Amino acid sequence: MVGISQRKAALIAGFSILIMAILAGFAYGFVLQDLIVPDNTTLTADNIRSSLMLFRLGIFSFLIILICDVLAAWALHVFLKQVNEHLSLLTAWFRLIYSAILGTALLNLVFVALLLNGANYLSIFEISQLNALVTFFLNGFHNIWSIGLVIFGCHLYVLGYLVLKSRYIPKILGFLLIIASLCYIINNSANLLLSNYEKYKLTVEVFIGLPMICSETGLGAWLLYGGGIGPED
């Protein structure tokens, strides 16, 4: 799409961001949080084993999120490069790196699905061994994803700065994006660095979830309804 207009870039970015918000609510907020029971390896494995199709739908939703992330990275770069082309490119690279890390993390969920699909070759493992491997790969997913989310927080910080510097995007969205970026960076850095942080993570996310949700969905909604309409198009 050579010479794509600001309005088209805004629509692509807006749709991508809102689709990601919906699918993330399903894949993480509904599927994973419903099936995974903290500190209970056996019950977690049994839950996934009995709802394997739902678990696979969660993986597929994450795959769509990854594709939308790439689209959003490109479209936001096109939309914001008139503010500062170099920083706009930096935001795109941060998001693309995050997408690559998310893709790596997703492999762990694929391994979980393979372990619990009941294939004959898995009969060499005891149930307790399979359950332990499931927990290992689930922990791998969350920890690798946390690394990606720190990078994503950097993306949101630069994105928020560009929004504040622009003359055509509501500045409240810039402030929300910067607040959300700090929430992502601090929360996921703590998850990686503090061994007992998992006990408090859900409680912390209750308090920091609002700016994280409002910043991205707010930007997505504005891009759909107002982005690229006006003198800047």
C-alpha atoms as a PDB file:
ATOM      1  CA  MET A   1       0.000   0.000   0.000  1.00  0.00           C
ATOM      2  CA  VAL A   2       2.248   2.785  -1.239  1.00  0.00           C
ATOM      3  CA  GLY A   3       1.089   6.239  -0.216  1.00  0.00           C
ATOM      4  CA  ILE A   4      -1.571   4.977   2.175  1.00  0.00           C
ATOM      5  CA  SER A   5      -3.643   7.831   3.619  1.00  0.00           C
ATOM      6  CA  GLN A   6      -3.677   8.855   7.266  1.00  0.00           C
ATOM      7  CA  ARG A   7      -7.319   7.821   7.495  1.00  0.00           C
ATOM      8  CA  LYS A   8      -6.674   4.314   6.171  1.00  0.00           C
ATOM      9  CA  ALA A   9      -3.709   3.897   8.513  1.00  0.00           C
ATOM     10  CA  ALA A  10      -5.872   5.047  11.441  1.00  0.00           C
ATOM     11  CA  LEU A  11      -8.617   2.562  10.528  1.00  0.00           C
ATOM     12  CA  ILE A  12      -6.186  -0.347  10.255  1.00  0.00           C
ATOM     13  CA  ALA A  13      -4.536   0.536  13.572  1.00  0.00           C
ATOM     14  CA  GLY A  14      -7.871   1.156  15.307  1.00  0.00           C
ATOM     15  CA  PHE A  15      -9.456  -2.098  14.152  1.00  0.00           C
ATOM     16  CA  SER A  16      -6.306  -4.049  15.023  1.00  0.00           C
ATOM     17  CA  ILE A  17      -6.088  -2.596  18.536  1.00  0.00           C
ATOM     18  CA  LEU A  18      -9.756  -3.201  19.333  1.00  0.00           C
ATOM     19  CA  ILE A  19      -9.698  -6.746  17.925  1.00  0.00           C
ATOM     20  CA  MET A  20      -6.649  -7.443  20.115  1.00  0.00           C
ATOM     21  CA  ALA A  21      -8.440  -6.078  23.185  1.00  0.00           C
ATOM     22  CA  ILE A  22     -11.427  -8.374  22.603  1.00  0.00           C
ATOM     23  CA  LEU A  23      -9.322 -11.468  21.880  1.00  0.00           C
ATOM     24  CA  ALA A  24      -6.971 -10.804  24.808  1.00  0.00           C
ATOM     25  CA  GLY A  25      -9.990 -10.637  27.109  1.00  0.00           C
ATOM     26  CA  PHE A  26     -11.046 -14.044  25.809  1.00  0.00           C
ATOM     27  CA  ALA A  27      -7.657 -15.795  25.579  1.00  0.00           C
ATOM     28  CA  TYR A  28      -6.112 -14.509  28.803  1.00  0.00           C
ATOM     29  CA  GLY A  29      -8.995 -13.208  30.886  1.00  0.00           C
ATOM     30  CA  PHE A  30     -11.370 -16.100  30.177  1.00  0.00           C
ATOM     31  CA  VAL A  31      -9.468 -19.171  28.928  1.00  0.00           C
ATOM     32  CA  LEU A  32      -6.166 -19.103  30.823  1.00  0.00           C
ATOM     33  CA  GLN A  33      -7.419 -17.589  34.067  1.00  0.00           C
ATOM     34  CA  ASP A  34     -10.365 -19.999  34.120  1.00  0.00           C
ATOM     35  CA  LEU A  35      -8.331 -23.142  33.411  1.00  0.00           C
ATOM     36  CA  ILE A  36      -5.134 -22.419  35.355  1.00  0.00           C
ATOM     37  CA  VAL A  37      -5.321 -22.922  39.119  1.00  0.00           C
ATOM     38  CA  PRO A  38      -2.289 -21.363  40.857  1.00  0.00           C
ATOM     39  CA  ASP A  39      -0.227 -23.813  42.933  1.00  0.00           C
ATOM     40  CA  ASN A  40      -2.343 -26.781  41.825  1.00  0.00           C
ATOM     41  CA  THR A  41      -0.557 -28.686  39.071  1.00  0.00           C
ATOM     42  CA  THR A  42      -3.008 -31.599  38.945  1.00  0.00           C
ATOM     43  CA  LEU A  43      -6.187 -29.528  38.795  1.00  0.00           C
ATOM     44  CA  THR A  44      -4.702 -27.224  36.138  1.00  0.00           C
ATOM     45  CA  ALA A  45      -3.757 -30.155  33.916  1.00  0.00           C
ATOM     46  CA  ASP A  46      -7.167 -31.785  34.432  1.00  0.00           C
ATOM     47  CA  ASN A  47      -8.942 -28.534  33.555  1.00  0.00           C
ATOM     48  CA  ILE A  48      -6.994 -28.130  30.308  1.00  0.00           C
ATOM     49  CA  ARG A  49      -7.335 -31.823  29.445  1.00  0.00           C
ATOM     50  CA  SER A  50     -11.135 -31.656  29.809  1.00  0.00           C
ATOM     51  CA  SER A  51     -11.373 -28.350  27.884  1.00  0.00           C
ATOM     52  CA  LEU A  52      -8.690 -28.914  25.269  1.00  0.00           C
ATOM     53  CA  MET A  53     -10.696 -27.368  22.419  1.00  0.00           C
ATOM     54  CA  LEU A  54     -11.248 -24.204  24.484  1.00  0.00           C
ATOM     55  CA  PHE A  55      -7.521 -24.127  25.244  1.00  0.00           C
ATOM     56  CA  ARG A  56      -6.712 -24.460  21.534  1.00  0.00           C
ATOM     57  CA  LEU A  57      -9.119 -21.600  20.777  1.00  0.00           C
ATOM     58  CA  GLY A  58      -7.164 -19.532  23.284  1.00  0.00           C
ATOM     59  CA  ILE A  59      -3.925 -20.320  21.440  1.00  0.00           C
ATOM     60  CA  PHE A  60      -5.540 -19.413  18.115  1.00  0.00           C
ATOM     61  CA  SER A  61      -6.778 -16.131  19.609  1.00  0.00           C
ATOM     62  CA  PHE A  62      -3.231 -15.295  20.678  1.00  0.00           C
ATOM     63  CA  LEU A  63      -2.099 -16.027  17.109  1.00  0.00           C
ATOM     64  CA  ILE A  64      -4.628 -13.523  15.739  1.00  0.00           C
ATOM     65  CA  ILE A  65      -3.429 -11.031  18.363  1.00  0.00           C
ATOM     66  CA  LEU A  66       0.128 -11.493  17.125  1.00  0.00           C
ATOM     67  CA  ILE A  67      -0.915 -10.786  13.522  1.00  0.00           C
ATOM     68  CA  CYS A  68      -2.894  -7.709  14.619  1.00  0.00           C
ATOM     69  CA  ASP A  69       0.139  -6.488  16.583  1.00  0.00           C
ATOM     70  CA  VAL A  70       2.214  -6.509  13.407  1.00  0.00           C
ATOM     71  CA  LEU A  71      -0.514  -4.631  11.525  1.00  0.00           C
ATOM     72  CA  ALA A  72      -0.851  -2.108  14.355  1.00  0.00           C
ATOM     73  CA  ALA A  73       2.912  -1.545  14.474  1.00  0.00           C
ATOM     74  CA  TRP A  74       2.994  -0.732  10.757  1.00  0.00           C
ATOM     75  CA  ALA A  75      -0.190   1.378  10.715  1.00  0.00           C
ATOM     76  CA  LEU A  76       0.786   3.427  13.782  1.00  0.00           C
ATOM     77  CA  HIS A  77       4.154   4.147  12.190  1.00  0.00           C
ATOM     78  CA  VAL A  78       2.426   5.446   9.057  1.00  0.00           C
ATOM     79  CA  PHE A  79      -0.011   7.493  11.131  1.00  0.00           C
ATOM     80  CA  LEU A  80       2.564   9.059  13.468  1.00  0.00           C
ATOM     81  CA  LYS A  81       5.639   9.487  11.293  1.00  0.00           C
ATOM     82  CA  GLN A  82       4.681  13.102  10.545  1.00  0.00           C
ATOM     83  CA  VAL A  83       5.112  13.839  14.268  1.00  0.00           C
ATOM     84  CA  ASN A  84       8.602  12.324  14.420  1.00  0.00           C
ATOM     85  CA  GLU A  85       9.608   9.720  11.854  1.00  0.00           C
ATOM     86  CA  HIS A  86      12.506   8.302  13.867  1.00  0.00           C
ATOM     87  CA  LEU A  87      10.531   7.859  17.094  1.00  0.00           C
ATOM     88  CA  SER A  88       7.591   6.495  15.126  1.00  0.00           C
ATOM     89  CA  LEU A  89       9.891   3.875  13.654  1.00  0.00           C
ATOM     90  CA  LEU A  90      11.206   3.100  17.145  1.00  0.00           C
ATOM     91  CA  THR A  91       7.675   2.459  18.427  1.00  0.00           C
ATOM     92  CA  ALA A  92       7.086   0.080  15.518  1.00  0.00           C
ATOM     93  CA  TRP A  93      10.293  -1.834  16.259  1.00  0.00           C
ATOM     94  CA  PHE A  94       9.422  -2.143  19.967  1.00  0.00           C
ATOM     95  CA  ARG A  95       6.026  -3.601  19.034  1.00  0.00           C
ATOM     96  CA  LEU A  96       7.509  -5.959  16.446  1.00  0.00           C
ATOM     97  CA  ILE A  97      10.078  -7.231  18.960  1.00  0.00           C
ATOM     98  CA  TYR A  98       7.243  -7.752  21.446  1.00  0.00           C
ATOM     99  CA  SER A  99       5.331  -9.706  18.795  1.00  0.00           C
ATOM    100  CA  ALA A 100       8.325 -11.967  18.182  1.00  0.00           C
ATOM    101  CA  ILE A 101       8.621 -12.656  21.916  1.00  0.00           C
ATOM    102  CA  LEU A 102       4.877 -13.365  22.162  1.00  0.00           C
ATOM    103  CA  GLY A 103       5.228 -15.844  19.294  1.00  0.00           C
ATOM    104  CA  THR A 104       8.046 -17.586  21.163  1.00  0.00           C
ATOM    105  CA  ALA A 105       5.963 -17.692  24.345  1.00  0.00           C
ATOM    106  CA  LEU A 106       3.027 -19.217  22.453  1.00  0.00           C
ATOM    107  CA  LEU A 107       5.121 -22.264  21.607  1.00  0.00           C
ATOM    108  CA  ASN A 108       4.867 -23.211  25.281  1.00  0.00           C
ATOM    109  CA  LEU A 109       1.067 -23.315  25.046  1.00  0.00           C
ATOM    110  CA  VAL A 110       1.337 -25.462  21.917  1.00  0.00           C
ATOM    111  CA  PHE A 111       3.568 -27.877  23.870  1.00  0.00           C
ATOM    112  CA  VAL A 112       0.941 -28.025  26.640  1.00  0.00           C
ATOM    113  CA  ALA A 113      -1.761 -28.918  24.102  1.00  0.00           C
ATOM    114  CA  LEU A 114       0.490 -31.635  22.631  1.00  0.00           C
ATOM    115  CA  LEU A 115       1.204 -33.102  26.068  1.00  0.00           C
ATOM    116  CA  LEU A 116      -2.484 -33.359  26.932  1.00  0.00           C
ATOM    117  CA  ASN A 117      -3.916 -34.580  23.622  1.00  0.00           C
ATOM    118  CA  GLY A 118      -3.881 -38.224  24.721  1.00  0.00           C
ATOM    119  CA  ALA A 119      -1.475 -39.471  22.030  1.00  0.00           C
ATOM    120  CA  ASN A 120      -0.215 -43.056  22.500  1.00  0.00           C
ATOM    121  CA  TYR A 121       3.462 -42.075  22.516  1.00  0.00           C
ATOM    122  CA  LEU A 122       2.859 -40.082  25.705  1.00  0.00           C
ATOM    123  CA  SER A 123       2.010 -43.254  27.628  1.00  0.00           C
ATOM    124  CA  ILE A 124       5.674 -43.582  28.631  1.00  0.00           C
ATOM    125  CA  PHE A 125       5.116 -40.657  31.006  1.00  0.00           C
ATOM    126  CA  GLU A 126       3.421 -41.003  34.369  1.00  0.00           C
ATOM    127  CA  ILE A 127       0.433 -38.688  34.920  1.00  0.00           C
ATOM    128  CA  SER A 128       2.407 -36.803  37.579  1.00  0.00           C
ATOM    129  CA  GLN A 129       5.245 -36.286  35.092  1.00  0.00           C
ATOM    130  CA  LEU A 130       2.878 -34.978  32.411  1.00  0.00           C
ATOM    131  CA  ASN A 131       1.272 -32.614  34.905  1.00  0.00           C
ATOM    132  CA  ALA A 132       4.681 -31.323  35.973  1.00  0.00           C
ATOM    133  CA  LEU A 133       5.651 -30.704  32.338  1.00  0.00           C
ATOM    134  CA  VAL A 134       2.370 -28.851  31.781  1.00  0.00           C
ATOM    135  CA  THR A 135       3.143 -26.540  34.702  1.00  0.00           C
ATOM    136  CA  PHE A 136       6.707 -26.081  33.435  1.00  0.00           C
ATOM    137  CA  PHE A 137       5.533 -24.936  29.988  1.00  0.00           C
ATOM    138  CA  LEU A 138       2.760 -22.738  31.424  1.00  0.00           C
ATOM    139  CA  ASN A 139       5.329 -21.020  33.632  1.00  0.00           C
ATOM    140  CA  GLY A 140       7.571 -20.697  30.591  1.00  0.00           C
ATOM    141  CA  PHE A 141       4.771 -19.011  28.685  1.00  0.00           C
ATOM    142  CA  HIS A 142       4.074 -16.481  31.435  1.00  0.00           C
ATOM    143  CA  ASN A 143       7.722 -15.648  32.053  1.00  0.00           C
ATOM    144  CA  ILE A 144       8.629 -15.254  28.387  1.00  0.00           C
ATOM    145  CA  TRP A 145       5.476 -13.190  27.850  1.00  0.00           C
ATOM    146  CA  SER A 146       6.476 -10.988  30.803  1.00  0.00           C
ATOM    147  CA  ILE A 147       9.747 -10.221  29.016  1.00  0.00           C
ATOM    148  CA  GLY A 148       7.729  -9.242  25.953  1.00  0.00           C
ATOM    149  CA  LEU A 149       5.367  -7.078  27.991  1.00  0.00           C
ATOM    150  CA  VAL A 150       8.302  -5.078  29.382  1.00  0.00           C
ATOM    151  CA  ILE A 151       9.237  -4.339  25.759  1.00  0.00           C
ATOM    152  CA  PHE A 152       5.589  -3.556  25.031  1.00  0.00           C
ATOM    153  CA  GLY A 153       5.647  -1.072  27.905  1.00  0.00           C
ATOM    154  CA  CYS A 154       8.580   0.687  26.206  1.00  0.00           C
ATOM    155  CA  HIS A 155       6.505   0.798  23.014  1.00  0.00           C
ATOM    156  CA  LEU A 156       3.605   2.437  24.855  1.00  0.00           C
ATOM    157  CA  TYR A 157       5.905   4.997  26.487  1.00  0.00           C
ATOM    158  CA  VAL A 158       7.291   6.251  23.175  1.00  0.00           C
ATOM    159  CA  LEU A 159       3.815   6.043  21.635  1.00  0.00           C
ATOM    160  CA  GLY A 160       2.420   8.166  24.461  1.00  0.00           C
ATOM    161  CA  TYR A 161       5.194  10.714  23.955  1.00  0.00           C
ATOM    162  CA  LEU A 162       4.358  10.947  20.243  1.00  0.00           C
ATOM    163  CA  VAL A 163       0.671  11.391  21.042  1.00  0.00           C
ATOM    164  CA  LEU A 164       1.505  14.250  23.422  1.00  0.00           C
ATOM    165  CA  LYS A 165       3.711  15.885  20.787  1.00  0.00           C
ATOM    166  CA  SER A 166       1.095  15.583  18.061  1.00  0.00           C
ATOM    167  CA  ARG A 167      -1.377  18.362  17.359  1.00  0.00           C
ATOM    168  CA  TYR A 168      -4.225  16.135  16.262  1.00  0.00           C
ATOM    169  CA  ILE A 169      -4.624  13.424  18.954  1.00  0.00           C
ATOM    170  CA  PRO A 170      -6.266  14.129  22.347  1.00  0.00           C
ATOM    171  CA  LYS A 171      -3.470  14.611  24.873  1.00  0.00           C
ATOM    172  CA  ILE A 172      -5.373  12.636  27.533  1.00  0.00           C
ATOM    173  CA  LEU A 173      -4.625   9.542  25.461  1.00  0.00           C
ATOM    174  CA  GLY A 174      -0.907  10.349  25.612  1.00  0.00           C
ATOM    175  CA  PHE A 175      -0.987  10.626  29.409  1.00  0.00           C
ATOM    176  CA  LEU A 176      -2.941   7.357  29.686  1.00  0.00           C
ATOM    177  CA  LEU A 177      -0.483   5.571  27.406  1.00  0.00           C
ATOM    178  CA  ILE A 178       2.506   6.707  29.477  1.00  0.00           C
ATOM    179  CA  ILE A 179       0.791   5.642  32.716  1.00  0.00           C
ATOM    180  CA  ALA A 180      -0.065   2.284  31.139  1.00  0.00           C
ATOM    181  CA  SER A 181       3.521   1.863  29.942  1.00  0.00           C
ATOM    182  CA  LEU A 182       4.839   2.274  33.485  1.00  0.00           C
ATOM    183  CA  CYS A 183       2.256  -0.227  34.746  1.00  0.00           C
ATOM    184  CA  TYR A 184       3.388  -2.791  32.172  1.00  0.00           C
ATOM    185  CA  ILE A 185       7.080  -2.255  32.862  1.00  0.00           C
ATOM    186  CA  ILE A 186       6.845  -2.287  36.668  1.00  0.00           C
ATOM    187  CA  ASN A 187       4.361  -5.171  36.901  1.00  0.00           C
ATOM    188  CA  ASN A 188       6.197  -7.496  34.534  1.00  0.00           C
ATOM    189  CA  SER A 189       9.666  -6.567  35.771  1.00  0.00           C
ATOM    190  CA  ALA A 190       8.509  -7.469  39.282  1.00  0.00           C
ATOM    191  CA  ASN A 191       7.127 -10.749  37.950  1.00  0.00           C
ATOM    192  CA  LEU A 192      10.526 -11.589  36.479  1.00  0.00           C
ATOM    193  CA  LEU A 193      12.671 -10.397  39.389  1.00  0.00           C
ATOM    194  CA  LEU A 194      10.654 -11.290  42.507  1.00  0.00           C
ATOM    195  CA  SER A 195      10.230 -14.990  43.215  1.00  0.00           C
ATOM    196  CA  ASN A 196       7.076 -14.577  45.345  1.00  0.00           C
ATOM    197  CA  TYR A 197       5.425 -11.878  43.208  1.00  0.00           C
ATOM    198  CA  GLU A 198       2.985 -14.378  41.663  1.00  0.00           C
ATOM    199  CA  LYS A 199       1.031 -14.355  44.960  1.00  0.00           C
ATOM    200  CA  TYR A 200       0.313 -10.651  44.604  1.00  0.00           C
ATOM    201  CA  LYS A 201       0.182 -10.290  40.829  1.00  0.00           C
ATOM    202  CA  LEU A 202      -3.586 -10.672  40.404  1.00  0.00           C
ATOM    203  CA  THR A 203      -4.250  -8.157  43.192  1.00  0.00           C
ATOM    204  CA  VAL A 204      -1.831  -5.660  41.658  1.00  0.00           C
ATOM    205  CA  GLU A 205      -3.395  -6.098  38.205  1.00  0.00           C
ATOM    206  CA  VAL A 206      -6.821  -5.200  39.601  1.00  0.00           C
ATOM    207  CA  PHE A 207      -5.502  -1.727  40.427  1.00  0.00           C
ATOM    208  CA  ILE A 208      -3.342  -1.158  37.350  1.00  0.00           C
ATOM    209  CA  GLY A 209      -5.691  -2.809  34.853  1.00  0.00           C
ATOM    210  CA  LEU A 210      -7.879   0.258  34.300  1.00  0.00           C
ATOM    211  CA  PRO A 211      -5.242   2.592  32.792  1.00  0.00           C
ATOM    212  CA  MET A 212      -3.831  -0.331  30.794  1.00  0.00           C
ATOM    213  CA  ILE A 213      -7.233  -1.088  29.267  1.00  0.00           C
ATOM    214  CA  CYS A 214      -8.439   2.501  28.866  1.00  0.00           C
ATOM    215  CA  SER A 215      -5.259   3.727  27.151  1.00  0.00           C
ATOM    216  CA  GLU A 216      -5.223   1.141  24.369  1.00  0.00           C
ATOM    217  CA  THR A 217      -8.962   0.809  23.805  1.00  0.00           C
ATOM    218  CA  GLY A 218      -9.313   4.597  24.012  1.00  0.00           C
ATOM    219  CA  LEU A 219      -6.640   5.066  21.350  1.00  0.00           C
ATOM    220  CA  GLY A 220      -8.189   2.346  19.195  1.00  0.00           C
ATOM    221  CA  ALA A 221     -11.660   3.900  19.423  1.00  0.00           C
ATOM    222  CA  TRP A 222     -10.326   7.388  18.626  1.00  0.00           C
ATOM    223  CA  LEU A 223      -8.391   6.077  15.625  1.00  0.00           C
ATOM    224  CA  LEU A 224     -11.566   4.466  14.266  1.00  0.00           C
ATOM    225  CA  TYR A 225     -13.824   7.481  14.711  1.00  0.00           C
ATOM    226  CA  GLY A 226     -11.497  10.471  14.462  1.00  0.00           C
ATOM    227  CA  GLY A 227      -8.041   9.432  13.298  1.00  0.00           C
ATOM    228  CA  GLY A 228      -6.930  10.934  10.016  1.00  0.00           C
ATOM    229  CA  ILE A 229     -10.020  13.095   9.608  1.00  0.00           C
ATOM    230  CA  GLY A 230      -9.146  16.733   9.176  1.00  0.00           C
ATOM    231  CA  PRO A 231      -6.235  18.878   8.030  1.00  0.00           C
ATOM    232  CA  GLU A 232      -3.626  16.248   8.825  1.00  0.00           C
ATOM    233  CA  ASP A 233      -5.056  13.739   6.288  1.00  0.00           C
END
